[in-house]
Amino acid sequence: MFKGVLPLYRWTIRAKIYKWYKQLDEIEKVATSTEETLKKNQEDLLSLKDEVQAHTKVPLSYKGEYYNLLLHIDLVAKELKLQKKV
């Protein structure tokens, strides 16, 4: 029984983080050809980041993965800003 507890705990904590990657991936994959779509995607990213910060609490040992998620959100936001300028 104890052998299954640690992997289940790891999976539970990582699932808290990785569930947000699906939304991030959807925002990134949307065709961004129009100004309106770019603006909507940027708003979606801001709300996603706020939601992640408000609703995702992880132990210190998993903070690296949590901060990687926040960095990936910022990276996609910067890519959208670059597309907007072009």
Protein backbone atom coordinates (compact mmCIF):
# COMPACT_ATOMS: atom_id res chain seq x y z
CA MET A 1 0.00 0.00 0.00
CA PHE A 2 2.79 2.46 0.87
CA LYS A 3 4.49 1.84 -2.47
CA GLY A 4 1.49 3.31 -4.26
CA VAL A 5 1.09 6.37 -2.06
CA LEU A 6 4.20 8.26 -3.19
CA PRO A 7 3.57 7.88 -6.95
CA LEU A 8 -0.06 8.86 -6.42
CA TYR A 9 1.01 11.94 -4.48
CA ARG A 10 3.46 12.95 -7.23
CA TRP A 11 0.82 12.46 -9.87
CA THR A 12 -1.71 14.54 -7.91
CA ILE A 13 0.68 17.46 -7.46
CA ARG A 14 1.85 17.41 -11.08
CA ALA A 15 -1.74 17.15 -12.31
CA LYS A 16 -2.44 20.48 -10.60
CA ILE A 17 0.26 22.06 -12.75
CA TYR A 18 -0.17 20.18 -16.01
CA LYS A 19 -3.91 20.81 -16.30
CA TRP A 20 -3.08 24.43 -17.12
CA TYR A 21 -0.80 23.42 -19.99
CA LYS A 22 -3.82 22.22 -21.97
CA GLN A 23 -5.34 25.70 -21.88
CA LEU A 24 -2.01 27.29 -22.70
CA ASP A 25 -1.58 24.96 -25.66
CA GLU A 26 -5.07 25.81 -26.96
CA ILE A 27 -4.34 29.54 -26.80
CA GLU A 28 -1.04 29.08 -28.59
CA LYS A 29 -2.51 26.92 -31.38
CA VAL A 30 -5.34 29.30 -32.30
CA ALA A 31 -4.79 30.98 -35.63
CA THR A 32 -3.68 34.52 -34.84
CA SER A 33 -4.18 36.19 -38.17
CA THR A 34 -6.46 39.01 -37.05
CA GLU A 35 -5.86 41.82 -34.59
CA GLU A 36 -9.02 40.87 -32.72
CA THR A 37 -7.86 37.26 -32.26
CA LEU A 38 -4.46 38.39 -31.01
CA LYS A 39 -6.07 40.71 -28.48
CA LYS A 40 -8.42 37.97 -27.26
CA ASN A 41 -5.52 35.53 -26.90
CA GLN A 42 -3.54 38.07 -24.89
CA GLU A 43 -6.52 38.61 -22.58
CA ASP A 44 -6.94 34.85 -22.23
CA LEU A 45 -3.28 34.52 -21.26
CA LEU A 46 -3.56 37.21 -18.61
CA SER A 47 -6.63 35.57 -17.10
CA LEU A 48 -4.93 32.16 -17.28
CA LYS A 49 -1.89 33.48 -15.42
CA ASP A 50 -4.09 35.10 -12.76
CA GLU A 51 -6.08 31.89 -12.39
CA VAL A 52 -2.96 29.75 -12.10
CA GLN A 53 -1.50 32.00 -9.43
CA ALA A 54 -4.75 32.11 -7.48
CA HIS A 55 -5.71 28.43 -7.63
CA THR A 56 -2.49 26.41 -7.80
CA LYS A 57 -0.81 25.69 -4.50
CA VAL A 58 2.08 23.24 -4.64
CA PRO A 59 4.75 22.16 -2.14
CA LEU A 60 8.20 23.70 -2.39
CA SER A 61 9.63 20.57 -3.99
CA TYR A 62 7.36 21.15 -7.03
CA LYS A 63 7.78 24.92 -7.32
CA GLY A 64 10.22 24.46 -10.21
CA GLU A 65 7.47 22.98 -12.37
CA TYR A 66 5.05 25.66 -11.20
CA TYR A 67 7.44 28.46 -12.15
CA ASN A 68 8.17 26.79 -15.48
CA LEU A 69 4.45 26.99 -16.22
CA LEU A 70 4.43 30.70 -15.42
CA LEU A 71 7.49 31.20 -17.64
CA HIS A 72 5.80 29.34 -20.49
CA ILE A 73 2.73 31.57 -20.15
CA ASP A 74 4.98 34.64 -20.36
CA LEU A 75 6.79 33.15 -23.38
CA VAL A 76 3.54 32.64 -25.29
CA ALA A 77 2.46 36.17 -24.36
CA LYS A 78 5.71 37.56 -25.80
CA GLU A 79 5.23 35.54 -28.99
CA LEU A 80 1.75 37.02 -29.37
CA LYS A 81 3.13 40.53 -28.89
CA LEU A 82 5.70 39.86 -31.63
CA GLN A 83 2.98 38.62 -33.97
CA LYS A 84 0.97 41.72 -33.22
CA LYS A 85 3.86 43.97 -34.25
CA VAL A 86 4.41 42.15 -37.54
